[in-house]
């Protein structure tokens, strides 16, 4: 019967298991994970027709600069929400990535003014304040009152698409939020889905003007 000899390395501590007193050769399985960090802001907001130059990212493996790939494009001639993803894969196939969102706003004057009193269809009240033609604040983006109430800035991208950029600690309890889909139905109705921790789940939030 063949004897199995194993050498394990875990958190810098070596554990050698010998076979019946035989000498063993240590085997160290080590992988150096990559890190990727964007240069500049996580979210960039521009108007249609404005130039956009991607500042890129930095990547390292074991303290040494590493190459990364970029996926995604930005069409500055078309309103929308564009995602750029930067990724590095180490020699063992483990990937690390970071992403940037570029919001391209329509320059046509909006047909809507969303400022005023609103409520989610569950009755939870909200107030929207207009910052500029396509930028607003919303003091209850999840339609839930209390310590988990989300206070956010959002954009009316093109009179159809609404977008909440990623915002840390948007609630008193420390929940971070970003919208997945937002639809402006008309001046009195809109919906969005949120990525805002398990507390909010995947329910579509429906708001109506009061």
N, C-alpha and C. Protein backbone atom coordinates (compact mmCIF):
# COMPACT_ATOMS: atom_id res chain seq x y z
N UNK A 1 0.85 -1.19 0.00
CA UNK A 1 0.00 0.00 0.00
C UNK A 1 0.88 1.24 0.00
N UNK A 2 0.55 2.22 -0.85
CA UNK A 2 1.31 3.45 -0.90
C UNK A 2 0.97 4.33 0.29
N UNK A 3 1.98 5.03 0.79
CA UNK A 3 1.78 5.92 1.92
C UNK A 3 1.58 7.33 1.40
N UNK A 4 0.66 8.09 2.00
CA UNK A 4 0.36 9.46 1.60
C UNK A 4 1.03 10.42 2.56
N UNK A 5 1.84 11.35 2.02
CA UNK A 5 2.52 12.35 2.84
C UNK A 5 2.05 13.71 2.41
N UNK A 6 1.59 14.52 3.35
CA UNK A 6 1.00 15.82 3.03
C UNK A 6 1.68 16.91 3.83
N UNK A 7 1.93 18.02 3.17
CA UNK A 7 2.42 19.21 3.86
C UNK A 7 1.44 20.31 3.58
N UNK A 8 0.93 20.91 4.63
CA UNK A 8 -0.07 21.96 4.48
C UNK A 8 0.49 23.28 4.97
N UNK A 9 0.18 24.34 4.26
CA UNK A 9 0.54 25.68 4.69
C UNK A 9 -0.72 26.48 4.86
N UNK A 10 -0.98 26.96 6.07
CA UNK A 10 -2.22 27.68 6.36
C UNK A 10 -1.91 28.90 7.21
N UNK A 11 -2.19 30.07 6.67
CA UNK A 11 -1.97 31.31 7.38
C UNK A 11 -0.53 31.43 7.86
N UNK A 12 0.39 30.99 7.04
CA UNK A 12 1.80 31.15 7.37
C UNK A 12 2.34 30.09 8.32
N UNK A 13 1.50 29.14 8.77
CA UNK A 13 1.94 28.11 9.70
C UNK A 13 2.04 26.79 8.94
N UNK A 14 3.15 26.14 9.03
CA UNK A 14 3.33 24.88 8.31
C UNK A 14 3.00 23.71 9.23
N UNK A 15 2.24 22.77 8.71
CA UNK A 15 1.91 21.56 9.43
C UNK A 15 2.37 20.39 8.58
N UNK A 16 3.32 19.60 9.06
CA UNK A 16 3.85 18.48 8.31
C UNK A 16 3.34 17.17 8.90
N UNK A 17 2.82 16.35 8.03
CA UNK A 17 2.33 15.04 8.46
C UNK A 17 3.26 14.00 7.84
N UNK A 18 3.97 13.26 8.66
CA UNK A 18 4.92 12.27 8.16
C UNK A 18 4.26 10.92 8.07
N UNK A 19 4.86 10.05 7.30
CA UNK A 19 4.33 8.71 7.12
C UNK A 19 5.29 7.70 7.75
N UNK A 20 4.89 7.13 8.88
CA UNK A 20 5.67 6.08 9.53
C UNK A 20 7.13 6.46 9.71
N UNK A 21 7.36 7.72 10.10
CA UNK A 21 8.72 8.14 10.38
C UNK A 21 9.52 8.51 9.16
N UNK A 22 8.93 8.41 7.94
CA UNK A 22 9.68 8.75 6.76
C UNK A 22 9.84 10.26 6.65
N UNK A 23 10.92 10.72 6.03
CA UNK A 23 11.10 12.14 5.79
C UNK A 23 10.17 12.58 4.67
N UNK A 24 9.66 13.80 4.79
CA UNK A 24 8.73 14.31 3.78
C UNK A 24 9.29 15.59 3.17
N UNK A 25 8.89 15.87 1.96
CA UNK A 25 9.23 17.12 1.30
C UNK A 25 8.05 18.07 1.42
N UNK A 26 8.28 19.25 2.01
CA UNK A 26 7.21 20.22 2.18
C UNK A 26 6.69 20.68 0.82
N UNK A 27 5.38 20.78 0.70
CA UNK A 27 4.74 21.31 -0.49
C UNK A 27 3.97 22.56 -0.08
N UNK A 28 4.29 23.70 -0.63
CA UNK A 28 3.63 24.94 -0.26
C UNK A 28 2.80 25.43 -1.43
N UNK A 29 1.50 25.51 -1.22
CA UNK A 29 0.60 26.01 -2.26
C UNK A 29 0.24 27.44 -1.90
N UNK A 30 0.80 28.41 -2.62
CA UNK A 30 0.61 29.82 -2.32
C UNK A 30 0.14 30.54 -3.56
N UNK A 31 -0.92 31.34 -3.43
CA UNK A 31 -1.34 32.18 -4.54
C UNK A 31 -1.36 33.63 -4.08
N UNK A 32 -0.86 34.50 -4.91
CA UNK A 32 -0.88 35.93 -4.62
C UNK A 32 -2.06 36.55 -5.36
N UNK A 33 -3.01 37.05 -4.59
CA UNK A 33 -4.21 37.62 -5.18
C UNK A 33 -3.95 39.03 -5.69
N UNK A 34 -4.63 39.37 -6.76
CA UNK A 34 -4.51 40.71 -7.33
C UNK A 34 -5.41 41.68 -6.58
N UNK A 35 -5.05 42.94 -6.66
CA UNK A 35 -5.92 44.02 -6.19
C UNK A 35 -6.11 45.00 -7.35
N UNK A 36 -7.31 45.54 -7.44
CA UNK A 36 -7.63 46.51 -8.48
C UNK A 36 -8.36 47.68 -7.84
N UNK A 37 -7.90 48.89 -8.11
CA UNK A 37 -8.54 50.10 -7.59
C UNK A 37 -8.71 51.10 -8.72
N UNK A 38 -9.89 51.71 -8.79
CA UNK A 38 -10.11 52.71 -9.83
C UNK A 38 -9.36 53.99 -9.48
N UNK A 39 -9.00 54.73 -10.51
CA UNK A 39 -8.43 56.06 -10.33
C UNK A 39 -9.56 57.07 -10.49
N UNK A 40 -9.74 57.93 -9.52
CA UNK A 40 -10.82 58.90 -9.59
C UNK A 40 -12.08 58.41 -8.91
N UNK A 41 -13.21 58.98 -9.30
CA UNK A 41 -14.48 58.72 -8.63
C UNK A 41 -15.14 57.43 -9.12
N UNK A 42 -15.88 56.81 -8.22
CA UNK A 42 -16.62 55.60 -8.57
C UNK A 42 -17.75 55.90 -9.55
N UNK A 43 -18.33 57.10 -9.44
CA UNK A 43 -19.40 57.52 -10.35
C UNK A 43 -19.01 58.85 -10.98
N UNK A 44 -19.14 58.94 -12.30
CA UNK A 44 -18.89 60.17 -13.03
C UNK A 44 -20.16 60.56 -13.77
N UNK A 45 -20.57 61.82 -13.65
CA UNK A 45 -21.78 62.30 -14.30
C UNK A 45 -21.40 63.39 -15.30
N UNK A 46 -21.79 63.21 -16.56
CA UNK A 46 -21.51 64.20 -17.60
C UNK A 46 -22.79 64.42 -18.41
N UNK A 47 -22.78 65.43 -19.24
CA UNK A 47 -23.89 65.70 -20.15
C UNK A 47 -23.58 65.16 -21.54
N UNK A 48 -24.64 64.86 -22.28
CA UNK A 48 -24.46 64.41 -23.66
C UNK A 48 -23.58 65.40 -24.42
N UNK A 49 -22.63 64.88 -25.15
CA UNK A 49 -21.75 65.71 -25.96
C UNK A 49 -20.48 66.14 -25.27
N UNK A 50 -20.42 66.00 -23.94
CA UNK A 50 -19.18 66.35 -23.23
C UNK A 50 -18.15 65.24 -23.42
N UNK A 51 -16.88 65.61 -23.51
CA UNK A 51 -15.84 64.58 -23.68
C UNK A 51 -15.68 63.76 -22.41
N UNK A 52 -15.31 62.52 -22.58
CA UNK A 52 -15.02 61.68 -21.41
C UNK A 52 -13.73 60.92 -21.66
N UNK A 53 -12.78 61.06 -20.76
CA UNK A 53 -11.53 60.31 -20.82
C UNK A 53 -11.46 59.42 -19.59
N UNK A 54 -11.37 58.15 -19.81
CA UNK A 54 -11.34 57.20 -18.70
C UNK A 54 -10.00 57.28 -17.98
N UNK A 55 -9.99 57.60 -16.68
CA UNK A 55 -8.72 57.66 -15.94
C UNK A 55 -8.14 56.29 -15.63
N UNK A 56 -8.93 55.23 -15.83
CA UNK A 56 -8.41 53.88 -15.64
C UNK A 56 -8.33 53.43 -14.19
N UNK A 57 -7.42 52.51 -13.94
CA UNK A 57 -7.30 51.91 -12.62
C UNK A 57 -5.85 51.56 -12.35
N UNK A 58 -5.58 51.09 -11.16
CA UNK A 58 -4.27 50.54 -10.81
C UNK A 58 -4.47 49.12 -10.33
N UNK A 59 -3.51 48.27 -10.62
CA UNK A 59 -3.59 46.87 -10.19
C UNK A 59 -2.22 46.40 -9.72
N UNK A 60 -2.24 45.56 -8.70
CA UNK A 60 -1.00 45.00 -8.16
C UNK A 60 -1.19 43.53 -7.83
N UNK A 61 -0.11 42.80 -7.91
CA UNK A 61 -0.05 41.42 -7.41
C UNK A 61 1.21 41.32 -6.57
N UNK A 62 1.05 41.03 -5.30
CA UNK A 62 2.18 40.92 -4.37
C UNK A 62 3.04 42.18 -4.38
N UNK A 63 2.37 43.35 -4.47
CA UNK A 63 3.07 44.61 -4.42
C UNK A 63 3.70 45.06 -5.73
N UNK A 64 3.54 44.26 -6.77
CA UNK A 64 4.11 44.59 -8.07
C UNK A 64 3.00 45.01 -9.02
N UNK A 65 3.18 46.12 -9.76
CA UNK A 65 2.13 46.54 -10.70
C UNK A 65 1.80 45.42 -11.69
N UNK A 66 0.51 45.29 -11.97
CA UNK A 66 0.05 44.23 -12.86
C UNK A 66 -0.85 44.83 -13.94
N UNK A 67 -0.93 44.14 -15.06
CA UNK A 67 -1.79 44.60 -16.14
C UNK A 67 -3.25 44.26 -15.81
N UNK A 68 -4.16 45.05 -16.35
CA UNK A 68 -5.59 44.77 -16.19
C UNK A 68 -6.28 44.96 -17.52
N UNK A 69 -7.46 44.38 -17.63
CA UNK A 69 -8.27 44.56 -18.83
C UNK A 69 -9.47 45.43 -18.48
N UNK A 70 -9.97 46.15 -19.47
CA UNK A 70 -11.14 47.00 -19.28
C UNK A 70 -12.25 46.53 -20.19
N UNK A 71 -13.44 46.33 -19.62
CA UNK A 71 -14.60 45.97 -20.43
C UNK A 71 -15.68 47.03 -20.25
N UNK A 72 -16.46 47.23 -21.30
CA UNK A 72 -17.49 48.25 -21.27
C UNK A 72 -17.04 49.49 -22.02
N UNK A 73 -18.01 50.25 -22.52
CA UNK A 73 -17.72 51.47 -23.26
C UNK A 73 -18.68 52.57 -22.81
N UNK A 74 -18.34 53.80 -23.15
CA UNK A 74 -19.19 54.95 -22.84
C UNK A 74 -19.52 55.67 -24.13
N UNK A 75 -20.79 55.81 -24.43
CA UNK A 75 -21.24 56.54 -25.61
C UNK A 75 -21.72 57.92 -25.14
N UNK A 76 -20.87 58.91 -25.31
CA UNK A 76 -21.20 60.25 -24.81
C UNK A 76 -22.25 60.95 -25.66
N UNK A 77 -22.65 60.34 -26.77
CA UNK A 77 -23.69 60.94 -27.61
C UNK A 77 -25.09 60.44 -27.26
N UNK A 78 -25.17 59.47 -26.36
CA UNK A 78 -26.46 58.86 -26.03
C UNK A 78 -26.65 58.84 -24.52
N UNK A 79 -27.75 59.40 -24.01
CA UNK A 79 -28.00 59.35 -22.56
C UNK A 79 -28.07 57.90 -22.08
N UNK A 80 -27.53 57.66 -20.89
CA UNK A 80 -27.57 56.31 -20.34
C UNK A 80 -26.66 56.16 -19.15
N UNK A 81 -26.66 54.97 -18.59
CA UNK A 81 -25.79 54.62 -17.46
C UNK A 81 -24.85 53.53 -17.95
N UNK A 82 -23.56 53.84 -17.99
CA UNK A 82 -22.56 52.95 -18.57
C UNK A 82 -21.62 52.44 -17.48
N UNK A 83 -21.30 51.15 -17.55
CA UNK A 83 -20.42 50.54 -16.56
C UNK A 83 -19.11 50.12 -17.20
N UNK A 84 -18.01 50.53 -16.58
CA UNK A 84 -16.67 50.11 -16.99
C UNK A 84 -16.12 49.19 -15.90
N UNK A 85 -15.63 48.02 -16.29
CA UNK A 85 -15.10 47.05 -15.33
C UNK A 85 -13.63 46.80 -15.62
N UNK A 86 -12.83 46.89 -14.58
CA UNK A 86 -11.38 46.67 -14.68
C UNK A 86 -11.06 45.35 -13.96
N UNK A 87 -10.34 44.46 -14.63
CA UNK A 87 -10.12 43.13 -14.06
C UNK A 87 -8.69 42.67 -14.25
N UNK A 88 -8.17 42.03 -13.21
CA UNK A 88 -6.87 41.37 -13.27
C UNK A 88 -7.04 39.93 -12.81
N UNK A 89 -6.42 39.00 -13.54
CA UNK A 89 -6.48 37.59 -13.18
C UNK A 89 -5.06 37.12 -12.90
N UNK A 90 -4.85 36.51 -11.73
CA UNK A 90 -3.49 36.07 -11.39
C UNK A 90 -3.17 34.74 -12.08
N UNK A 91 -1.97 34.25 -11.88
CA UNK A 91 -1.51 33.05 -12.61
C UNK A 91 -2.32 31.82 -12.25
N UNK A 92 -3.01 31.83 -11.11
CA UNK A 92 -3.81 30.68 -10.71
C UNK A 92 -5.27 30.82 -11.12
N UNK A 93 -5.57 31.89 -11.86
CA UNK A 93 -6.92 32.04 -12.37
C UNK A 93 -7.88 32.78 -11.46
N UNK A 94 -7.39 33.35 -10.36
CA UNK A 94 -8.25 34.10 -9.46
C UNK A 94 -8.35 35.55 -9.94
N UNK A 95 -9.59 36.03 -10.06
CA UNK A 95 -9.82 37.37 -10.61
C UNK A 95 -10.11 38.37 -9.50
N UNK A 96 -9.69 39.60 -9.76
CA UNK A 96 -10.05 40.75 -8.92
C UNK A 96 -10.54 41.83 -9.86
N UNK A 97 -11.54 42.59 -9.42
CA UNK A 97 -12.08 43.60 -10.32
C UNK A 97 -12.59 44.81 -9.55
N UNK A 98 -12.77 45.90 -10.28
CA UNK A 98 -13.38 47.12 -9.75
C UNK A 98 -14.19 47.71 -10.89
N UNK A 99 -15.16 48.55 -10.56
CA UNK A 99 -15.98 49.11 -11.63
C UNK A 99 -16.25 50.59 -11.40
N UNK A 100 -16.51 51.26 -12.52
CA UNK A 100 -16.87 52.66 -12.51
C UNK A 100 -18.17 52.81 -13.29
N UNK A 101 -19.04 53.71 -12.85
CA UNK A 101 -20.27 54.01 -13.57
C UNK A 101 -20.18 55.43 -14.12
N UNK A 102 -20.47 55.57 -15.40
CA UNK A 102 -20.51 56.87 -16.04
C UNK A 102 -21.95 57.16 -16.45
N UNK A 103 -22.50 58.21 -15.90
CA UNK A 103 -23.87 58.61 -16.20
C UNK A 103 -23.83 59.73 -17.23
N UNK A 104 -24.48 59.51 -18.36
CA UNK A 104 -24.56 60.52 -19.41
C UNK A 104 -25.98 61.07 -19.43
N UNK A 105 -26.13 62.35 -19.05
CA UNK A 105 -27.44 62.96 -18.92
C UNK A 105 -27.88 63.63 -20.22
N UNK A 106 -29.16 63.50 -20.52
CA UNK A 106 -29.74 64.20 -21.66
C UNK A 106 -29.65 65.71 -21.41
N UNK A 107 -29.33 66.46 -22.47
CA UNK A 107 -29.24 67.92 -22.32
C UNK A 107 -30.53 68.62 -22.71
N UNK A 108 -31.49 67.86 -23.23
CA UNK A 108 -32.80 68.45 -23.51
C UNK A 108 -33.48 68.77 -22.19
N UNK A 109 -34.15 69.92 -22.07
CA UNK A 109 -34.87 70.22 -20.83
C UNK A 109 -35.87 69.11 -20.52
N UNK A 110 -35.89 68.68 -19.27
CA UNK A 110 -36.80 67.61 -18.88
C UNK A 110 -38.25 68.07 -18.96
N UNK A 111 -39.12 67.16 -19.37
CA UNK A 111 -40.56 67.45 -19.42
C UNK A 111 -41.20 67.30 -18.05
N UNK A 112 -40.42 66.83 -17.06
CA UNK A 112 -40.97 66.52 -15.75
C UNK A 112 -40.28 67.31 -14.64
N UNK A 113 -41.03 67.60 -13.61
CA UNK A 113 -40.49 68.16 -12.37
C UNK A 113 -40.92 67.23 -11.25
N UNK A 114 -39.98 66.46 -10.74
CA UNK A 114 -40.31 65.43 -9.75
C UNK A 114 -40.29 65.93 -8.32
N UNK A 115 -40.03 67.20 -8.11
CA UNK A 115 -39.99 67.72 -6.74
C UNK A 115 -41.38 67.69 -6.12
N UNK A 116 -41.40 67.54 -4.79
CA UNK A 116 -42.68 67.56 -4.08
C UNK A 116 -42.85 66.38 -3.16
N UNK A 117 -44.10 66.14 -2.78
CA UNK A 117 -44.44 65.08 -1.83
C UNK A 117 -44.84 63.80 -2.57
N UNK A 118 -44.25 62.71 -2.14
CA UNK A 118 -44.51 61.41 -2.73
C UNK A 118 -44.78 60.39 -1.64
N UNK A 119 -45.22 59.22 -2.03
CA UNK A 119 -45.36 58.10 -1.10
C UNK A 119 -45.20 56.80 -1.86
N UNK A 120 -44.57 55.84 -1.22
CA UNK A 120 -44.56 54.50 -1.78
C UNK A 120 -45.97 53.95 -1.68
N UNK A 121 -46.31 53.00 -2.52
CA UNK A 121 -47.67 52.47 -2.52
C UNK A 121 -48.05 51.77 -1.22
N UNK A 122 -47.06 51.54 -0.35
CA UNK A 122 -47.38 51.02 0.98
C UNK A 122 -47.77 52.13 1.96
N UNK A 123 -47.73 53.38 1.49
CA UNK A 123 -48.12 54.52 2.32
C UNK A 123 -46.99 55.29 2.94
N UNK A 124 -45.76 54.78 2.84
CA UNK A 124 -44.62 55.45 3.45
C UNK A 124 -44.31 56.74 2.70
N UNK A 125 -44.31 57.90 3.40
CA UNK A 125 -44.14 59.19 2.71
C UNK A 125 -42.69 59.49 2.35
N UNK A 126 -42.53 60.39 1.37
CA UNK A 126 -41.20 60.79 0.93
C UNK A 126 -41.27 62.21 0.37
N UNK A 127 -40.13 62.87 0.40
CA UNK A 127 -40.01 64.21 -0.18
C UNK A 127 -38.87 64.21 -1.19
N UNK A 128 -39.14 64.73 -2.37
CA UNK A 128 -38.11 64.87 -3.40
C UNK A 128 -37.82 66.35 -3.59
N UNK A 129 -36.54 66.69 -3.58
CA UNK A 129 -36.09 68.07 -3.75
C UNK A 129 -35.28 68.16 -5.04
N UNK A 130 -35.58 69.15 -5.86
CA UNK A 130 -34.90 69.34 -7.13
C UNK A 130 -33.62 70.14 -6.92
N UNK A 131 -32.49 69.58 -7.37
CA UNK A 131 -31.20 70.25 -7.28
C UNK A 131 -30.91 70.99 -8.58
N UNK A 132 -31.17 70.34 -9.68
CA UNK A 132 -31.05 70.94 -11.01
C UNK A 132 -32.03 70.21 -11.91
N UNK A 133 -32.01 70.52 -13.21
CA UNK A 133 -33.03 69.98 -14.10
C UNK A 133 -33.15 68.46 -14.03
N UNK A 134 -32.02 67.75 -13.85
CA UNK A 134 -32.06 66.28 -13.86
C UNK A 134 -31.47 65.66 -12.60
N UNK A 135 -31.22 66.46 -11.60
CA UNK A 135 -30.66 65.94 -10.34
C UNK A 135 -31.60 66.25 -9.18
N UNK A 136 -31.81 65.23 -8.32
CA UNK A 136 -32.74 65.36 -7.21
C UNK A 136 -32.20 64.67 -5.96
N UNK A 137 -32.79 65.00 -4.81
CA UNK A 137 -32.60 64.21 -3.61
C UNK A 137 -33.93 63.58 -3.23
N UNK A 138 -33.85 62.42 -2.61
CA UNK A 138 -35.04 61.66 -2.19
C UNK A 138 -34.78 61.21 -0.76
N UNK A 139 -35.66 61.54 0.17
CA UNK A 139 -35.38 61.26 1.58
C UNK A 139 -35.93 59.92 2.06
N UNK A 140 -36.50 59.11 1.17
CA UNK A 140 -36.99 57.80 1.57
C UNK A 140 -37.04 56.88 0.35
N UNK A 141 -35.87 56.65 -0.24
CA UNK A 141 -35.80 55.94 -1.52
C UNK A 141 -36.30 54.51 -1.46
N UNK A 142 -36.28 53.91 -0.27
CA UNK A 142 -36.76 52.54 -0.14
C UNK A 142 -38.20 52.45 0.30
N UNK A 143 -38.79 53.59 0.64
CA UNK A 143 -40.17 53.56 1.11
C UNK A 143 -40.33 52.85 2.44
N UNK A 144 -39.33 52.99 3.31
CA UNK A 144 -39.36 52.37 4.63
C UNK A 144 -38.87 53.40 5.64
N UNK A 145 -39.69 53.72 6.62
CA UNK A 145 -39.30 54.71 7.63
C UNK A 145 -38.50 54.06 8.75
N UNK A 146 -37.77 54.89 9.51
CA UNK A 146 -36.97 54.38 10.62
C UNK A 146 -35.50 54.47 10.32
N UNK A 147 -34.69 53.73 11.06
CA UNK A 147 -33.24 53.84 10.95
C UNK A 147 -32.72 53.35 9.61
N UNK A 148 -33.52 52.56 8.89
CA UNK A 148 -33.09 52.06 7.58
C UNK A 148 -33.60 52.93 6.42
N UNK A 149 -34.19 54.06 6.72
CA UNK A 149 -34.69 54.97 5.69
C UNK A 149 -33.52 55.50 4.87
N UNK A 150 -33.65 55.42 3.54
CA UNK A 150 -32.56 55.76 2.64
C UNK A 150 -32.70 57.18 2.11
N UNK A 151 -31.67 57.99 2.31
CA UNK A 151 -31.64 59.36 1.81
C UNK A 151 -30.59 59.45 0.72
N UNK A 152 -31.02 59.72 -0.52
CA UNK A 152 -30.12 59.58 -1.67
C UNK A 152 -30.20 60.77 -2.61
N UNK A 153 -29.20 60.85 -3.47
CA UNK A 153 -29.24 61.70 -4.66
C UNK A 153 -29.53 60.79 -5.84
N UNK A 154 -30.40 61.26 -6.77
CA UNK A 154 -30.66 60.45 -7.96
C UNK A 154 -30.78 61.34 -9.18
N UNK A 155 -30.75 60.70 -10.36
CA UNK A 155 -30.76 61.43 -11.63
C UNK A 155 -31.90 60.95 -12.53
N UNK A 156 -32.56 61.91 -13.16
CA UNK A 156 -33.48 61.64 -14.26
C UNK A 156 -32.63 61.69 -15.52
N UNK A 157 -32.22 60.54 -16.02
CA UNK A 157 -31.21 60.48 -17.08
C UNK A 157 -31.76 61.01 -18.40
N UNK A 158 -32.96 60.56 -18.78
CA UNK A 158 -33.47 60.93 -20.10
C UNK A 158 -35.00 60.97 -20.17
N UNK A 159 -35.64 61.21 -19.04
CA UNK A 159 -37.10 61.22 -18.91
C UNK A 159 -37.71 59.83 -19.00
N UNK A 160 -36.89 58.80 -19.04
CA UNK A 160 -37.33 57.41 -18.95
C UNK A 160 -36.60 56.67 -17.83
N UNK A 161 -35.27 56.84 -17.82
CA UNK A 161 -34.41 56.12 -16.89
C UNK A 161 -34.08 56.98 -15.67
N UNK A 162 -34.32 56.41 -14.48
CA UNK A 162 -33.89 57.03 -13.23
C UNK A 162 -32.75 56.21 -12.66
N UNK A 163 -31.78 56.89 -12.06
CA UNK A 163 -30.63 56.17 -11.54
C UNK A 163 -30.16 56.77 -10.22
N UNK A 164 -30.01 55.90 -9.21
CA UNK A 164 -29.38 56.26 -7.94
C UNK A 164 -27.94 55.74 -7.99
N UNK A 165 -26.94 56.60 -8.05
CA UNK A 165 -25.56 56.11 -8.03
C UNK A 165 -25.24 55.52 -6.66
N UNK A 166 -24.21 54.70 -6.61
CA UNK A 166 -23.81 54.06 -5.36
C UNK A 166 -23.52 55.12 -4.30
N UNK A 167 -24.13 54.94 -3.14
CA UNK A 167 -23.92 55.86 -2.02
C UNK A 167 -23.76 55.06 -0.74
N UNK A 168 -22.65 55.31 -0.04
CA UNK A 168 -22.38 54.62 1.22
C UNK A 168 -23.15 55.30 2.36
N UNK A 169 -23.53 54.48 3.33
CA UNK A 169 -24.16 54.99 4.55
C UNK A 169 -25.33 55.93 4.23
N UNK A 170 -26.20 55.47 3.34
CA UNK A 170 -27.35 56.29 2.95
C UNK A 170 -28.44 56.30 4.01
N UNK A 171 -28.33 55.40 4.98
CA UNK A 171 -29.29 55.36 6.08
C UNK A 171 -28.58 55.57 7.40
N UNK A 172 -29.35 55.88 8.43
CA UNK A 172 -28.76 56.06 9.77
C UNK A 172 -28.13 54.77 10.26
N UNK A 173 -28.62 53.63 9.76
CA UNK A 173 -28.08 52.34 10.16
C UNK A 173 -26.86 51.93 9.36
N UNK A 174 -26.49 52.73 8.35
CA UNK A 174 -25.27 52.46 7.60
C UNK A 174 -25.45 51.65 6.33
N UNK A 175 -26.67 51.56 5.81
CA UNK A 175 -26.91 50.80 4.57
C UNK A 175 -26.42 51.60 3.37
N UNK A 176 -25.70 50.93 2.47
CA UNK A 176 -25.29 51.53 1.21
C UNK A 176 -26.28 51.12 0.13
N UNK A 177 -26.41 51.95 -0.91
CA UNK A 177 -27.47 51.71 -1.89
C UNK A 177 -27.02 52.10 -3.29
N UNK A 178 -27.57 51.41 -4.27
CA UNK A 178 -27.47 51.77 -5.68
C UNK A 178 -28.72 51.22 -6.35
N UNK A 179 -29.28 51.95 -7.30
CA UNK A 179 -30.45 51.42 -7.99
C UNK A 179 -30.03 50.49 -9.10
N UNK A 180 -30.84 49.46 -9.34
CA UNK A 180 -30.60 48.53 -10.42
C UNK A 180 -31.38 48.95 -11.66
N UNK A 181 -32.65 49.25 -11.48
CA UNK A 181 -33.50 49.72 -12.56
C UNK A 181 -34.40 50.81 -12.01
N UNK A 182 -34.56 51.87 -12.77
CA UNK A 182 -35.48 52.93 -12.38
C UNK A 182 -36.25 53.39 -13.60
N UNK A 183 -37.57 53.47 -13.47
CA UNK A 183 -38.41 53.81 -14.61
C UNK A 183 -39.29 54.99 -14.25
N UNK A 184 -39.17 56.07 -15.02
CA UNK A 184 -40.03 57.23 -14.85
C UNK A 184 -41.26 57.02 -15.74
N UNK A 185 -42.38 56.70 -15.11
CA UNK A 185 -43.60 56.41 -15.85
C UNK A 185 -44.22 57.70 -16.40
N UNK A 186 -44.42 58.66 -15.50
CA UNK A 186 -44.90 59.98 -15.88
C UNK A 186 -44.59 60.93 -14.72
N UNK A 187 -45.13 62.13 -14.74
CA UNK A 187 -44.78 63.11 -13.72
C UNK A 187 -45.30 62.74 -12.33
N UNK A 188 -46.14 61.73 -12.26
CA UNK A 188 -46.77 61.37 -10.98
C UNK A 188 -46.46 59.95 -10.53
N UNK A 189 -45.67 59.22 -11.30
CA UNK A 189 -45.41 57.82 -10.97
C UNK A 189 -44.02 57.40 -11.44
N UNK A 190 -43.29 56.68 -10.57
CA UNK A 190 -42.04 56.07 -10.99
C UNK A 190 -41.76 54.85 -10.13
N UNK A 191 -40.86 54.01 -10.61
CA UNK A 191 -40.47 52.79 -9.88
C UNK A 191 -38.96 52.64 -9.95
N UNK A 192 -38.41 51.90 -8.98
CA UNK A 192 -37.03 51.45 -9.10
C UNK A 192 -36.79 50.23 -8.22
N UNK A 193 -35.77 49.48 -8.60
CA UNK A 193 -35.28 48.35 -7.80
C UNK A 193 -33.96 48.77 -7.18
N UNK A 194 -33.73 48.30 -5.96
CA UNK A 194 -32.55 48.74 -5.21
C UNK A 194 -31.61 47.59 -4.90
N UNK A 195 -30.32 47.89 -4.94
CA UNK A 195 -29.31 47.01 -4.37
C UNK A 195 -28.91 47.67 -3.05
N UNK A 196 -29.53 47.22 -1.96
CA UNK A 196 -29.37 47.93 -0.69
C UNK A 196 -29.45 46.97 0.49
N UNK A 197 -28.70 45.91 0.45
CA UNK A 197 -28.62 44.92 1.52
C UNK A 197 -29.85 44.01 1.54
N UNK A 198 -29.73 42.93 2.28
CA UNK A 198 -30.81 41.94 2.34
C UNK A 198 -32.08 42.52 2.95
N UNK A 199 -31.93 43.58 3.73
CA UNK A 199 -33.12 44.19 4.37
C UNK A 199 -34.13 44.62 3.31
N UNK A 200 -33.66 45.16 2.21
CA UNK A 200 -34.55 45.67 1.17
C UNK A 200 -34.93 44.62 0.13
N UNK A 201 -34.18 43.56 0.03
CA UNK A 201 -34.55 42.50 -0.89
C UNK A 201 -34.60 42.96 -2.33
N UNK A 202 -35.45 42.31 -3.13
CA UNK A 202 -35.51 42.56 -4.58
C UNK A 202 -36.83 43.16 -5.02
N UNK A 203 -37.66 43.61 -4.07
CA UNK A 203 -38.96 44.15 -4.43
C UNK A 203 -38.83 45.46 -5.22
N UNK A 204 -39.66 45.62 -6.23
CA UNK A 204 -39.73 46.88 -6.95
C UNK A 204 -40.43 47.92 -6.08
N UNK A 205 -39.83 49.10 -5.94
CA UNK A 205 -40.41 50.18 -5.14
C UNK A 205 -41.23 51.08 -6.06
N UNK A 206 -42.50 51.22 -5.76
CA UNK A 206 -43.41 52.02 -6.59
C UNK A 206 -43.80 53.28 -5.82
N UNK A 207 -43.60 54.44 -6.45
CA UNK A 207 -43.90 55.72 -5.80
C UNK A 207 -44.97 56.49 -6.60
N UNK A 208 -45.83 57.18 -5.85
CA UNK A 208 -46.88 57.99 -6.46
C UNK A 208 -46.87 59.37 -5.84
N UNK A 209 -47.09 60.38 -6.67
CA UNK A 209 -47.14 61.74 -6.17
C UNK A 209 -48.37 61.92 -5.29
N UNK A 210 -48.20 62.73 -4.23
CA UNK A 210 -49.31 62.97 -3.30
C UNK A 210 -49.92 64.36 -3.51
